Amino acid sequence: MGLGDDVKQVATDVGAAVGGAVVDAAKTVAKTPLDILEEILGGKGGDASGSKGDEAQKNVEKGANGQTSGADPAVIQQQIQDDKKLTSEKLAFHRQNMATEQQFYDQKSAQDAQQKKVEQQQHEEQKKYEIKQIEKQKRENYQVKAAQDAANAEKSRNVGAG
């Protein structure tokens, strides 16, 4: 029975270790870029114990090859300020582009509305012209018909006299 208990104990330990690793991996994957940045900069996020914040600070101080950069805090602070300045410049540029696009859209909408108004006026003018032409044609047809009827009546009288 001792072997069965040992196997159960090992299985439980392995399950707990794998479960803990899966939970840690899921927490890491679920972090947003803002959470990661806050951890790196030592802000909120991570554990309540602050061990991850210390670890993040050490990661900031490491160079690209994993070696300690030896940079002093003033240089790091300057880099952070430069990054903030660049970010604000990018944001200002983005806002300017958005404003320009909005202005273009508004201008295009106004032009489209004006074009539509002109086209509608032209359409109305065309309808009025066609109505006048139809009325004119009706009058002419009526006059022709009246002249024909008068001529036919004249012929009828002349035919009956002779």
Protein backbone atom coordinates (compact mmCIF):
# COMPACT_ATOMS: atom_id res chain seq x y z
CA MET A 1 0.00 0.00 0.00
CA GLY A 2 2.94 2.32 0.59
CA LEU A 3 3.72 2.49 -3.12
CA GLY A 4 0.13 3.48 -3.98
CA ASP A 5 0.23 6.29 -1.40
CA ASP A 6 3.57 7.50 -2.79
CA VAL A 7 2.20 7.53 -6.35
CA LYS A 8 -0.86 9.51 -5.21
CA GLN A 9 1.36 11.99 -3.37
CA VAL A 10 3.61 12.50 -6.43
CA ALA A 11 0.57 12.91 -8.71
CA THR A 12 -0.91 15.50 -6.32
CA ASP A 13 2.38 17.42 -6.14
CA VAL A 14 2.78 17.41 -9.95
CA GLY A 15 -0.84 18.49 -10.41
CA ALA A 16 -0.42 21.36 -7.98
CA ALA A 17 2.83 22.49 -9.62
CA VAL A 18 1.34 22.35 -13.12
CA GLY A 19 -1.83 24.08 -11.96
CA GLY A 20 0.20 26.85 -10.30
CA ALA A 21 2.30 27.30 -13.44
CA VAL A 22 -0.82 27.46 -15.61
CA VAL A 23 -2.37 30.08 -13.33
CA ASP A 24 0.84 32.15 -13.35
CA ALA A 25 1.05 31.91 -17.13
CA ALA A 26 -2.59 32.94 -17.50
CA LYS A 27 -2.04 35.94 -15.20
CA THR A 28 1.00 36.99 -17.22
CA VAL A 29 -0.85 36.66 -20.53
CA ALA A 30 -3.87 38.54 -19.18
CA LYS A 31 -1.79 41.60 -18.27
CA THR A 32 -2.34 44.65 -20.40
CA PRO A 33 0.59 46.66 -21.72
CA LEU A 34 -0.29 49.33 -19.16
CA ASP A 35 -0.01 46.79 -16.30
CA ILE A 36 3.38 45.65 -17.56
CA LEU A 37 4.59 49.25 -17.91
CA GLU A 38 3.42 50.06 -14.41
CA GLU A 39 5.30 47.05 -13.06
CA ILE A 40 8.45 48.08 -14.88
CA LEU A 41 8.22 51.64 -13.63
CA GLY A 42 7.49 50.48 -10.10
CA GLY A 43 3.89 51.69 -10.03
CA LYS A 44 0.87 49.69 -8.97
CA GLY A 45 0.31 46.15 -10.20
CA GLY A 46 2.07 42.93 -9.43
CA ASP A 47 2.16 41.49 -5.94
CA ALA A 48 1.27 43.35 -2.79
CA SER A 49 4.69 42.37 -1.45
CA GLY A 50 6.46 44.55 -4.01
CA SER A 51 8.92 41.85 -5.01
CA LYS A 52 7.86 42.11 -8.64
CA GLY A 53 8.32 45.89 -8.50
CA ASP A 54 11.90 45.41 -7.31
CA GLU A 55 12.41 42.82 -9.99
CA ALA A 56 10.97 45.16 -12.61
CA GLN A 57 13.29 47.96 -11.49
CA LYS A 58 16.25 45.59 -11.88
CA ASN A 59 15.02 44.71 -15.38
CA VAL A 60 14.92 48.38 -16.30
CA GLU A 61 18.49 48.81 -15.17
CA LYS A 62 19.68 45.82 -17.25
CA GLY A 63 21.01 46.45 -20.73
CA ALA A 64 19.87 44.72 -23.93
CA ASN A 65 22.29 41.84 -23.37
CA GLY A 66 21.09 41.21 -19.83
CA GLN A 67 24.07 42.90 -18.20
CA THR A 68 23.66 45.64 -15.64
CA SER A 69 23.90 48.90 -17.53
CA GLY A 70 25.49 50.84 -14.73
CA ALA A 71 23.39 53.87 -15.66
CA ASP A 72 22.60 56.17 -12.82
CA PRO A 73 19.03 57.03 -11.86
CA ALA A 74 19.34 60.50 -13.42
CA VAL A 75 19.94 58.97 -16.85
CA ILE A 76 17.01 56.60 -16.38
CA GLN A 77 14.83 59.51 -15.26
CA GLN A 78 15.90 61.49 -18.35
CA GLN A 79 15.01 58.54 -20.58
CA ILE A 80 11.60 58.32 -18.94
CA GLN A 81 11.05 62.05 -19.48
CA ASP A 82 12.17 61.73 -23.09
CA ASP A 83 9.75 58.85 -23.56
CA LYS A 84 6.92 60.90 -22.04
CA LYS A 85 7.79 63.84 -24.29
CA LEU A 86 7.85 61.60 -27.36
CA THR A 87 4.53 60.09 -26.34
CA SER A 88 2.96 63.52 -25.89
CA GLU A 89 4.36 64.64 -29.26
CA LYS A 90 2.91 61.56 -30.93
CA LEU A 91 -0.42 62.22 -29.24
CA ALA A 92 -0.38 65.85 -30.39
CA PHE A 93 0.48 64.72 -33.93
CA HIS A 94 -2.34 62.18 -33.85
CA ARG A 95 -4.80 64.80 -32.59
CA GLN A 96 -3.70 67.20 -35.33
CA ASN A 97 -4.21 64.50 -37.95
CA MET A 98 -7.63 63.71 -36.54
CA ALA A 99 -8.57 67.41 -36.61
CA THR A 100 -7.37 67.72 -40.20
CA GLU A 101 -9.33 64.63 -41.23
CA GLN A 102 -12.44 65.93 -39.48
CA GLN A 103 -12.06 69.29 -41.20
CA PHE A 104 -11.68 67.55 -44.57
CA TYR A 105 -14.73 65.40 -43.85
CA ASP A 106 -16.80 68.43 -42.83
CA GLN A 107 -15.71 70.34 -45.93
CA LYS A 108 -16.46 67.36 -48.17
CA SER A 109 -19.88 66.94 -46.55
CA ALA A 110 -20.65 70.63 -47.13
CA GLN A 111 -19.55 70.35 -50.77
CA ASP A 112 -21.66 67.23 -51.25
CA ALA A 113 -24.69 68.95 -49.72
CA GLN A 114 -24.18 71.99 -51.97
CA GLN A 115 -23.78 69.76 -55.05
CA LYS A 116 -26.93 67.86 -54.15
CA LYS A 117 -28.82 71.14 -53.70
CA VAL A 118 -27.64 72.40 -57.10
CA GLU A 119 -28.61 69.11 -58.74
CA GLN A 120 -32.05 69.23 -57.13
CA GLN A 121 -32.56 72.82 -58.32
CA GLN A 122 -31.54 71.78 -61.83
CA HIS A 123 -33.96 68.88 -61.66
CA GLU A 124 -36.78 71.18 -60.55
CA GLU A 125 -35.95 73.63 -63.35
CA GLN A 126 -35.95 70.75 -65.84
CA LYS A 127 -39.37 69.59 -64.61
CA LYS A 128 -40.78 73.14 -64.89
CA TYR A 129 -39.38 73.45 -68.42
CA GLU A 130 -40.85 70.11 -69.45
CA ILE A 131 -44.25 71.07 -67.99
CA LYS A 132 -44.17 74.36 -69.95
CA GLN A 133 -43.21 72.48 -73.10
CA ILE A 134 -46.07 70.01 -72.61
CA GLU A 135 -48.56 72.84 -72.03
CA LYS A 136 -47.25 74.66 -75.11
CA GLN A 137 -47.57 71.47 -77.17
CA LYS A 138 -51.12 70.98 -75.87
CA ARG A 139 -52.07 74.53 -76.91
CA GLU A 140 -50.54 74.04 -80.32
CA ASN A 141 -52.28 70.69 -80.73
CA TYR A 142 -55.57 72.25 -79.62
CA GLN A 143 -55.14 75.12 -82.09
CA VAL A 144 -54.33 72.69 -84.90
CA LYS A 145 -57.31 70.54 -83.96
CA ALA A 146 -59.58 73.59 -83.82
CA ALA A 147 -58.33 74.75 -87.22
CA GLN A 148 -58.90 71.25 -88.63
CA ASP A 149 -62.38 71.09 -87.13
CA ALA A 150 -63.18 74.50 -88.57
CA ALA A 151 -61.87 73.45 -91.98
CA ASN A 152 -63.85 70.21 -91.79
CA ALA A 153 -66.99 72.13 -90.83
CA GLU A 154 -66.41 74.48 -93.74
CA LYS A 155 -66.03 71.51 -96.07
CA SER A 156 -69.17 69.94 -94.67
CA ARG A 157 -71.17 73.07 -95.39
CA ASN A 158 -69.71 73.34 -98.84
CA VAL A 159 -70.40 69.69 -99.56
CA GLY A 160 -74.00 70.00 -98.47
CA ALA A 161 -74.64 73.06 -100.68
CA GLY A 162 -73.69 71.51 -103.91
